[in-house]
């Protein structure tokens, strides 16, 4: 029996003869059901119609992106460290070429995912590379395929080794997480944000939303709390979830200024 994958968000569901009747991820107000309804594919069909492209952003940092676009269209990152490679976020497509390249680069020692929209086929990635997947416990209800490789961490921070840290900042989802890589950006620090923090069009600002497709904002107090948490960390660069959503330098300042402006607008009296 095949594993069915939602075409709209890329989430995979347990093996079954027929596709699920609905996708809870898409029916939640942070995502959406397409106008023509929920449709499904399988991993086999996805392998036949799509491929993964690779890009080297800086030493020890690879981007993997599926072409043509599939699901939400995010990119995943492979971070090479002295203690093993870390995969940040997931794409739905895991094809034989991707497996071969990753094994040639040393495999994957651990996987971490920012939030449920990017859970996709994390179970298949985990099994292929015998790697644990770290998810925040507050988002456990959104796991559609239970798996022994899934590890649910609690609290505000989780150390992954070699200096990498998962930081729960909430907002988009209760367990929404970013990844801090201190060795990145020539030692000035990198923050991987998924779309928990969305890099804006001019690459000097960021935004914070409950739902991006449905344009639902977060409360000012939530955004201020996110800003306060990240003020404690050192980083100069942000890699967001999508093509071009990168702030190469000045990222910490960009977050501070964006938090201030966001709160100002939400709490202001503009007419």
C-alpha atoms as a PDB file:
ATOM      1  CA  UNK A   1       0.000   0.000   0.000  1.00  0.00           C
ATOM      2  CA  UNK A   2       1.377   3.436  -0.896  1.00  0.00           C
ATOM      3  CA  UNK A   3       2.088   6.391   1.338  1.00  0.00           C
ATOM      4  CA  UNK A   4      -0.145   9.245   0.194  1.00  0.00           C
ATOM      5  CA  UNK A   5       1.200  12.798   0.097  1.00  0.00           C
ATOM      6  CA  UNK A   6      -0.932  15.948   0.055  1.00  0.00           C
ATOM      7  CA  UNK A   7      -0.243  17.969  -3.096  1.00  0.00           C
ATOM      8  CA  UNK A   8      -1.048  21.251  -1.337  1.00  0.00           C
ATOM      9  CA  UNK A   9       1.227  21.037   1.715  1.00  0.00           C
ATOM     10  CA  UNK A  10       3.412  17.973   1.080  1.00  0.00           C
ATOM     11  CA  UNK A  11       2.408  16.155   4.276  1.00  0.00           C
ATOM     12  CA  UNK A  12       2.574  12.350   4.125  1.00  0.00           C
ATOM     13  CA  UNK A  13      -0.035  10.026   5.574  1.00  0.00           C
ATOM     14  CA  UNK A  14       0.063   6.353   6.642  1.00  0.00           C
ATOM     15  CA  UNK A  15       0.020   3.557   4.083  1.00  0.00           C
ATOM     16  CA  UNK A  16      -3.482   2.903   2.789  1.00  0.00           C
ATOM     17  CA  UNK A  17      -5.223   1.576  -0.303  1.00  0.00           C
ATOM     18  CA  UNK A  18      -6.983   4.875  -0.913  1.00  0.00           C
ATOM     19  CA  UNK A  19      -6.085   8.504  -0.299  1.00  0.00           C
ATOM     20  CA  UNK A  20      -7.251  10.215   2.907  1.00  0.00           C
ATOM     21  CA  UNK A  21     -10.544  12.081   2.800  1.00  0.00           C
ATOM     22  CA  UNK A  22      -8.982  15.266   4.096  1.00  0.00           C
ATOM     23  CA  UNK A  23      -5.715  16.874   5.220  1.00  0.00           C
ATOM     24  CA  UNK A  24      -5.894  18.377   8.746  1.00  0.00           C
ATOM     25  CA  UNK A  25      -2.773  20.441   8.031  1.00  0.00           C
ATOM     26  CA  UNK A  26      -4.494  22.190   5.100  1.00  0.00           C
ATOM     27  CA  UNK A  27      -7.826  22.570   6.903  1.00  0.00           C
ATOM     28  CA  UNK A  28      -6.170  24.498   9.730  1.00  0.00           C
ATOM     29  CA  UNK A  29      -6.383  28.289   9.279  1.00  0.00           C
ATOM     30  CA  UNK A  30      -2.592  28.588   8.917  1.00  0.00           C
ATOM     31  CA  UNK A  31      -2.763  26.713   5.608  1.00  0.00           C
ATOM     32  CA  UNK A  32      -5.581  26.284   3.073  1.00  0.00           C
ATOM     33  CA  UNK A  33      -7.472  23.753   0.968  1.00  0.00           C
ATOM     34  CA  UNK A  34      -7.027  24.616  -2.734  1.00  0.00           C
ATOM     35  CA  UNK A  35     -10.080  25.883  -4.621  1.00  0.00           C
ATOM     36  CA  UNK A  36     -10.231  22.670  -6.656  1.00  0.00           C
ATOM     37  CA  UNK A  37     -10.114  20.549  -3.520  1.00  0.00           C
ATOM     38  CA  UNK A  38      -7.610  18.290  -1.806  1.00  0.00           C
ATOM     39  CA  UNK A  39      -5.570  16.108  -4.155  1.00  0.00           C
ATOM     40  CA  UNK A  40      -2.923  13.489  -3.485  1.00  0.00           C
ATOM     41  CA  UNK A  41       0.162  11.871  -4.923  1.00  0.00           C
ATOM     42  CA  UNK A  42       2.527   9.093  -3.857  1.00  0.00           C
ATOM     43  CA  UNK A  43       6.275   9.105  -3.319  1.00  0.00           C
ATOM     44  CA  UNK A  44       6.691   6.921  -6.406  1.00  0.00           C
ATOM     45  CA  UNK A  45       4.812   9.415  -8.576  1.00  0.00           C
ATOM     46  CA  UNK A  46       6.710  12.321  -7.053  1.00  0.00           C
ATOM     47  CA  UNK A  47      10.050  10.680  -7.856  1.00  0.00           C
ATOM     48  CA  UNK A  48       8.906  10.227 -11.460  1.00  0.00           C
ATOM     49  CA  UNK A  49       7.808  13.841 -11.944  1.00  0.00           C
ATOM     50  CA  UNK A  50      10.202  15.917  -9.809  1.00  0.00           C
ATOM     51  CA  UNK A  51      13.872  16.135  -8.861  1.00  0.00           C
ATOM     52  CA  UNK A  52      15.933  17.804  -6.155  1.00  0.00           C
ATOM     53  CA  UNK A  53      18.372  20.574  -6.979  1.00  0.00           C
ATOM     54  CA  UNK A  54      21.413  21.364  -4.838  1.00  0.00           C
ATOM     55  CA  UNK A  55      23.165  24.635  -3.984  1.00  0.00           C
ATOM     56  CA  UNK A  56      26.226  25.357  -1.843  1.00  0.00           C
ATOM     57  CA  UNK A  57      25.611  28.586   0.112  1.00  0.00           C
ATOM     58  CA  UNK A  58      28.760  28.695   2.218  1.00  0.00           C
ATOM     59  CA  UNK A  59      31.287  26.176   3.527  1.00  0.00           C
ATOM     60  CA  UNK A  60      29.489  23.145   5.018  1.00  0.00           C
ATOM     61  CA  UNK A  61      26.006  24.369   4.070  1.00  0.00           C
ATOM     62  CA  UNK A  62      23.951  22.822   1.248  1.00  0.00           C
ATOM     63  CA  UNK A  63      20.439  23.733   0.142  1.00  0.00           C
ATOM     64  CA  UNK A  64      18.114  21.067  -1.297  1.00  0.00           C
ATOM     65  CA  UNK A  65      15.091  22.307  -3.258  1.00  0.00           C
ATOM     66  CA  UNK A  66      12.510  20.321  -5.262  1.00  0.00           C
ATOM     67  CA  UNK A  67      11.854  21.279  -8.896  1.00  0.00           C
ATOM     68  CA  UNK A  68       9.337  21.951 -10.220  1.00  0.00           C
ATOM     69  CA  UNK A  69       7.837  23.428  -7.070  1.00  0.00           C
ATOM     70  CA  UNK A  70       5.889  20.992  -4.929  1.00  0.00           C
ATOM     71  CA  UNK A  71       3.619  21.586  -1.935  1.00  0.00           C
ATOM     72  CA  UNK A  72       4.538  24.744  -0.059  1.00  0.00           C
ATOM     73  CA  UNK A  73       7.809  25.026  -1.960  1.00  0.00           C
ATOM     74  CA  UNK A  74      10.276  25.256   0.935  1.00  0.00           C
ATOM     75  CA  UNK A  75      13.955  24.388   0.837  1.00  0.00           C
ATOM     76  CA  UNK A  76      15.816  22.131   3.246  1.00  0.00           C
ATOM     77  CA  UNK A  77      19.402  22.585   4.441  1.00  0.00           C
ATOM     78  CA  UNK A  78      22.161  20.064   5.087  1.00  0.00           C
ATOM     79  CA  UNK A  79      24.674  21.388   7.631  1.00  0.00           C
ATOM     80  CA  UNK A  80      27.971  19.531   7.876  1.00  0.00           C
ATOM     81  CA  UNK A  81      29.556  19.453  11.338  1.00  0.00           C
ATOM     82  CA  UNK A  82      32.431  17.632  12.993  1.00  0.00           C
ATOM     83  CA  UNK A  83      29.866  15.491  14.855  1.00  0.00           C
ATOM     84  CA  UNK A  84      27.786  14.546  11.826  1.00  0.00           C
ATOM     85  CA  UNK A  85      25.450  16.209   9.367  1.00  0.00           C
ATOM     86  CA  UNK A  86      22.225  17.943  10.425  1.00  0.00           C
ATOM     87  CA  UNK A  87      19.182  18.223   8.158  1.00  0.00           C
ATOM     88  CA  UNK A  88      17.071  21.300   8.834  1.00  0.00           C
ATOM     89  CA  UNK A  89      13.422  21.138   7.723  1.00  0.00           C
ATOM     90  CA  UNK A  90      12.242  18.648   5.100  1.00  0.00           C
ATOM     91  CA  UNK A  91      10.989  18.490   1.551  1.00  0.00           C
ATOM     92  CA  UNK A  92       8.610  15.728   0.493  1.00  0.00           C
ATOM     93  CA  UNK A  93      10.829  14.309  -2.237  1.00  0.00           C
ATOM     94  CA  UNK A  94      13.489  11.831  -1.184  1.00  0.00           C
ATOM     95  CA  UNK A  95      14.766  10.271  -4.404  1.00  0.00           C
ATOM     96  CA  UNK A  96      17.659   7.836  -5.027  1.00  0.00           C
ATOM     97  CA  UNK A  97      19.980  10.613  -6.260  1.00  0.00           C
ATOM     98  CA  UNK A  98      19.451  12.658  -3.112  1.00  0.00           C
ATOM     99  CA  UNK A  99      20.106   9.591  -0.957  1.00  0.00           C
ATOM    100  CA  UNK A 100      23.328   8.837  -2.836  1.00  0.00           C
ATOM    101  CA  UNK A 101      24.649  12.394  -2.562  1.00  0.00           C
ATOM    102  CA  UNK A 102      23.879  12.642   1.150  1.00  0.00           C
ATOM    103  CA  UNK A 103      25.501   9.291   1.886  1.00  0.00           C
ATOM    104  CA  UNK A 104      28.576  10.486  -0.036  1.00  0.00           C
ATOM    105  CA  UNK A 105      28.653  13.595   2.170  1.00  0.00           C
ATOM    106  CA  UNK A 106      28.589  11.487   5.328  1.00  0.00           C
ATOM    107  CA  UNK A 107      24.902  10.760   5.835  1.00  0.00           C
ATOM    108  CA  UNK A 108      22.621  12.459   8.350  1.00  0.00           C
ATOM    109  CA  UNK A 109      23.088  12.161  12.108  1.00  0.00           C
ATOM    110  CA  UNK A 110      19.978  14.140  13.092  1.00  0.00           C
ATOM    111  CA  UNK A 111      16.982  15.939  11.588  1.00  0.00           C
ATOM    112  CA  UNK A 112      15.240  18.969  13.076  1.00  0.00           C
ATOM    113  CA  UNK A 113      12.089  20.629  11.765  1.00  0.00           C
ATOM    114  CA  UNK A 114      10.778  24.110  12.421  1.00  0.00           C
ATOM    115  CA  UNK A 115       7.028  23.423  12.431  1.00  0.00           C
ATOM    116  CA  UNK A 116       4.308  21.067  11.103  1.00  0.00           C
ATOM    117  CA  UNK A 117       4.065  22.569   7.591  1.00  0.00           C
ATOM    118  CA  UNK A 118       7.486  21.086   6.878  1.00  0.00           C
ATOM    119  CA  UNK A 119       7.012  17.637   8.455  1.00  0.00           C
ATOM    120  CA  UNK A 120       6.347  16.247   4.918  1.00  0.00           C
ATOM    121  CA  UNK A 121       8.037  12.822   4.588  1.00  0.00           C
ATOM    122  CA  UNK A 122      10.355  13.209   7.593  1.00  0.00           C
ATOM    123  CA  UNK A 123       9.675   9.577   8.527  1.00  0.00           C
ATOM    124  CA  UNK A 124      11.171   8.358   5.243  1.00  0.00           C
ATOM    125  CA  UNK A 125      14.232  10.590   5.602  1.00  0.00           C
ATOM    126  CA  UNK A 126      14.711   9.294   9.144  1.00  0.00           C
ATOM    127  CA  UNK A 127      14.508   5.653   8.090  1.00  0.00           C
ATOM    128  CA  UNK A 128      16.737   6.130   5.024  1.00  0.00           C
ATOM    129  CA  UNK A 129      19.571   7.620   7.101  1.00  0.00           C
ATOM    130  CA  UNK A 130      18.837   5.973  10.471  1.00  0.00           C
ATOM    131  CA  UNK A 131      18.528   9.434  12.003  1.00  0.00           C
ATOM    132  CA  UNK A 132      16.331  10.766  14.819  1.00  0.00           C
ATOM    133  CA  UNK A 133      13.912  13.598  14.064  1.00  0.00           C
ATOM    134  CA  UNK A 134      13.634  16.310  16.711  1.00  0.00           C
ATOM    135  CA  UNK A 135      10.225  17.998  16.980  1.00  0.00           C
ATOM    136  CA  UNK A 136       8.842  20.212  19.698  1.00  0.00           C
ATOM    137  CA  UNK A 137       6.316  18.405  21.885  1.00  0.00           C
ATOM    138  CA  UNK A 138       3.824  21.292  21.673  1.00  0.00           C
ATOM    139  CA  UNK A 139       3.199  20.427  18.004  1.00  0.00           C
ATOM    140  CA  UNK A 140       2.896  16.671  18.444  1.00  0.00           C
ATOM    141  CA  UNK A 141      -0.801  16.627  17.450  1.00  0.00           C
ATOM    142  CA  UNK A 142       0.132  17.554  13.865  1.00  0.00           C
ATOM    143  CA  UNK A 143       2.155  14.391  13.210  1.00  0.00           C
ATOM    144  CA  UNK A 144       0.116  12.408  10.677  1.00  0.00           C
ATOM    145  CA  UNK A 145       2.438   9.356  10.554  1.00  0.00           C
ATOM    146  CA  UNK A 146       3.788   8.128  13.897  1.00  0.00           C
ATOM    147  CA  UNK A 147       7.322   6.746  13.727  1.00  0.00           C
ATOM    148  CA  UNK A 148       9.855   5.382  16.215  1.00  0.00           C
ATOM    149  CA  UNK A 149      12.458   7.865  14.961  1.00  0.00           C
ATOM    150  CA  UNK A 150      10.464  10.901  16.115  1.00  0.00           C
ATOM    151  CA  UNK A 151      11.760  12.479  19.320  1.00  0.00           C
ATOM    152  CA  UNK A 152       9.704  15.185  21.022  1.00  0.00           C
ATOM    153  CA  UNK A 153      11.725  17.683  23.011  1.00  0.00           C
ATOM    154  CA  UNK A 154      10.329  20.100  25.582  1.00  0.00           C
ATOM    155  CA  UNK A 155      11.193  23.511  26.926  1.00  0.00           C
ATOM    156  CA  UNK A 156      12.761  26.545  25.287  1.00  0.00           C
ATOM    157  CA  UNK A 157      16.097  25.181  24.020  1.00  0.00           C
ATOM    158  CA  UNK A 158      17.587  21.904  22.851  1.00  0.00           C
ATOM    159  CA  UNK A 159      21.307  21.352  22.190  1.00  0.00           C
ATOM    160  CA  UNK A 160      22.043  19.265  19.091  1.00  0.00           C
ATOM    161  CA  UNK A 161      25.802  19.070  19.505  1.00  0.00           C
ATOM    162  CA  UNK A 162      28.717  20.961  17.949  1.00  0.00           C
ATOM    163  CA  UNK A 163      27.173  24.187  19.207  1.00  0.00           C
ATOM    164  CA  UNK A 164      23.904  23.928  17.242  1.00  0.00           C
ATOM    165  CA  UNK A 165      20.797  24.846  19.240  1.00  0.00           C
ATOM    166  CA  UNK A 166      17.078  24.536  18.641  1.00  0.00           C
ATOM    167  CA  UNK A 167      15.212  27.535  20.046  1.00  0.00           C
ATOM    168  CA  UNK A 168      11.462  27.503  20.584  1.00  0.00           C
ATOM    169  CA  UNK A 169      10.093  30.928  19.698  1.00  0.00           C
ATOM    170  CA  UNK A 170       6.438  30.011  19.085  1.00  0.00           C
ATOM    171  CA  UNK A 171       4.199  32.336  17.119  1.00  0.00           C
ATOM    172  CA  UNK A 172       3.318  30.577  13.876  1.00  0.00           C
ATOM    173  CA  UNK A 173       2.777  27.359  15.910  1.00  0.00           C
ATOM    174  CA  UNK A 174       3.117  26.853  19.681  1.00  0.00           C
ATOM    175  CA  UNK A 175       6.252  24.745  19.205  1.00  0.00           C
ATOM    176  CA  UNK A 176       7.687  26.792  16.331  1.00  0.00           C
ATOM    177  CA  UNK A 177      11.456  26.455  16.358  1.00  0.00           C
ATOM    178  CA  UNK A 178      14.500  28.096  14.794  1.00  0.00           C
ATOM    179  CA  UNK A 179      18.024  26.659  14.553  1.00  0.00           C
ATOM    180  CA  UNK A 180      21.145  28.543  15.641  1.00  0.00           C
ATOM    181  CA  UNK A 181      24.453  27.606  13.978  1.00  0.00           C
ATOM    182  CA  UNK A 182      27.291  29.578  15.612  1.00  0.00           C
ATOM    183  CA  UNK A 183      29.983  28.476  13.145  1.00  0.00           C
ATOM    184  CA  UNK A 184      28.060  29.770  10.125  1.00  0.00           C
ATOM    185  CA  UNK A 185      28.635  33.110   8.365  1.00  0.00           C
ATOM    186  CA  UNK A 186      32.383  32.915   9.020  1.00  0.00           C
ATOM    187  CA  UNK A 187      31.798  32.440  12.732  1.00  0.00           C
ATOM    188  CA  UNK A 188      29.354  35.331  13.083  1.00  0.00           C
ATOM    189  CA  UNK A 189      26.411  32.956  13.445  1.00  0.00           C
ATOM    190  CA  UNK A 190      23.466  31.838  11.325  1.00  0.00           C
ATOM    191  CA  UNK A 191      19.793  31.549  12.201  1.00  0.00           C
ATOM    192  CA  UNK A 192      17.666  29.105  10.188  1.00  0.00           C
ATOM    193  CA  UNK A 193      14.098  30.330  10.534  1.00  0.00           C
ATOM    194  CA  UNK A 194      11.880  28.351   8.146  1.00  0.00           C
ATOM    195  CA  UNK A 195       8.969  30.743   7.750  1.00  0.00           C
ATOM    196  CA  UNK A 196       8.555  31.148  11.500  1.00  0.00           C
ATOM    197  CA  UNK A 197      10.353  34.405  10.753  1.00  0.00           C
ATOM    198  CA  UNK A 198       9.742  35.308   7.118  1.00  0.00           C
ATOM    199  CA  UNK A 199      12.381  37.306   5.244  1.00  0.00           C
ATOM    200  CA  UNK A 200      10.681  40.204   3.454  1.00  0.00           C
ATOM    201  CA  UNK A 201      10.977  41.204  -0.203  1.00  0.00           C
ATOM    202  CA  UNK A 202      13.792  43.731   0.275  1.00  0.00           C
ATOM    203  CA  UNK A 203      15.904  41.327   2.361  1.00  0.00           C
ATOM    204  CA  UNK A 204      16.406  43.916   5.110  1.00  0.00           C
ATOM    205  CA  UNK A 205      13.210  43.207   7.040  1.00  0.00           C
ATOM    206  CA  UNK A 206      11.336  40.213   8.404  1.00  0.00           C
ATOM    207  CA  UNK A 207       7.740  39.468   9.301  1.00  0.00           C
ATOM    208  CA  UNK A 208       5.887  37.314  11.803  1.00  0.00           C
ATOM    209  CA  UNK A 209       2.496  35.792  10.998  1.00  0.00           C
ATOM    210  CA  UNK A 210      -0.014  33.306  12.323  1.00  0.00           C
ATOM    211  CA  UNK A 211      -0.808  32.485   8.678  1.00  0.00           C
ATOM    212  CA  UNK A 212       1.049  33.744   5.618  1.00  0.00           C
ATOM    213  CA  UNK A 213      -1.351  32.491   2.909  1.00  0.00           C
ATOM    214  CA  UNK A 214      -4.400  33.718   4.840  1.00  0.00           C
ATOM    215  CA  UNK A 215      -2.673  36.925   6.000  1.00  0.00           C
ATOM    216  CA  UNK A 216      -3.503  36.503   9.692  1.00  0.00           C
ATOM    217  CA  UNK A 217      -1.162  38.453  11.998  1.00  0.00           C
ATOM    218  CA  UNK A 218       0.295  37.544  15.358  1.00  0.00           C
ATOM    219  CA  UNK A 219      -0.412  39.561  18.477  1.00  0.00           C
ATOM    220  CA  UNK A 220       2.040  42.349  19.267  1.00  0.00           C
ATOM    221  CA  UNK A 221       2.933  40.755  22.602  1.00  0.00           C
ATOM    222  CA  UNK A 222       3.862  37.510  20.821  1.00  0.00           C
ATOM    223  CA  UNK A 223       6.129  39.278  18.350  1.00  0.00           C
ATOM    224  CA  UNK A 224       7.800  41.234  21.149  1.00  0.00           C
ATOM    225  CA  UNK A 225       8.443  37.991  23.040  1.00  0.00           C
ATOM    226  CA  UNK A 226      10.063  36.487  19.911  1.00  0.00           C
ATOM    227  CA  UNK A 227      12.283  39.537  19.628  1.00  0.00           C
ATOM    228  CA  UNK A 228      13.260  39.330  23.295  1.00  0.00           C
ATOM    229  CA  UNK A 229      14.205  35.642  22.974  1.00  0.00           C
ATOM    230  CA  UNK A 230      16.374  36.167  19.889  1.00  0.00           C
ATOM    231  CA  UNK A 231      18.100  39.214  21.378  1.00  0.00           C
ATOM    232  CA  UNK A 232      19.991  36.759  23.599  1.00  0.00           C
ATOM    233  CA  UNK A 233      21.635  35.015  20.614  1.00  0.00           C
ATOM    234  CA  UNK A 234      24.477  36.098  18.339  1.00  0.00           C
ATOM    235  CA  UNK A 235      23.965  35.795  14.565  1.00  0.00           C
ATOM    236  CA  UNK A 236      24.567  37.888  11.475  1.00  0.00           C
ATOM    237  CA  UNK A 237      22.809  35.827   8.782  1.00  0.00           C
ATOM    238  CA  UNK A 238      19.343  34.329   8.248  1.00  0.00           C
ATOM    239  CA  UNK A 239      18.352  31.539   5.879  1.00  0.00           C
ATOM    240  CA  UNK A 240      14.586  31.452   5.487  1.00  0.00           C
ATOM    241  CA  UNK A 241      12.350  28.796   4.003  1.00  0.00           C
ATOM    242  CA  UNK A 242      12.140  29.917   0.383  1.00  0.00           C
ATOM    243  CA  UNK A 243      14.269  30.921  -2.619  1.00  0.00           C
ATOM    244  CA  UNK A 244      15.965  34.254  -2.072  1.00  0.00           C
ATOM    245  CA  UNK A 245      14.735  34.555   1.515  1.00  0.00           C
ATOM    246  CA  UNK A 246      18.204  35.158   2.922  1.00  0.00           C
ATOM    247  CA  UNK A 247      19.673  38.055   4.869  1.00  0.00           C
ATOM    248  CA  UNK A 248      23.415  37.780   4.321  1.00  0.00           C
ATOM    249  CA  UNK A 249      24.462  40.292   6.983  1.00  0.00           C
ATOM    250  CA  UNK A 250      22.875  42.454   9.635  1.00  0.00           C
ATOM    251  CA  UNK A 251      20.177  39.870  10.380  1.00  0.00           C
ATOM    252  CA  UNK A 252      20.015  40.479  14.128  1.00  0.00           C
ATOM    253  CA  UNK A 253      19.510  44.204  13.561  1.00  0.00           C
ATOM    254  CA  UNK A 254      16.851  43.428  10.935  1.00  0.00           C
ATOM    255  CA  UNK A 255      14.874  41.351  13.442  1.00  0.00           C
ATOM    256  CA  UNK A 256      15.129  44.006  16.156  1.00  0.00           C
ATOM    257  CA  UNK A 257      13.949  46.788  13.842  1.00  0.00           C
ATOM    258  CA  UNK A 258      11.188  44.626  12.338  1.00  0.00           C
ATOM    259  CA  UNK A 259       9.869  43.643  15.775  1.00  0.00           C
ATOM    260  CA  UNK A 260       9.725  47.309  16.757  1.00  0.00           C
ATOM    261  CA  UNK A 261       7.881  48.327  13.593  1.00  0.00           C
ATOM    262  CA  UNK A 262       5.469  45.388  13.731  1.00  0.00           C
ATOM    263  CA  UNK A 263       4.518  46.166  17.339  1.00  0.00           C
ATOM    264  CA  UNK A 264       4.226  49.868  16.547  1.00  0.00           C
ATOM    265  CA  UNK A 265       1.783  49.212  13.707  1.00  0.00           C
ATOM    266  CA  UNK A 266      -0.352  46.751  15.660  1.00  0.00           C
ATOM    267  CA  UNK A 267      -0.588  48.978  18.704  1.00  0.00           C
ATOM    268  CA  UNK A 268      -0.896  52.276  16.824  1.00  0.00           C
ATOM    269  CA  UNK A 269      -3.949  54.337  15.980  1.00  0.00           C
ATOM    270  CA  UNK A 270      -3.603  54.633  12.209  1.00  0.00           C
ATOM    271  CA  UNK A 271      -6.825  55.331  10.331  1.00  0.00           C
END
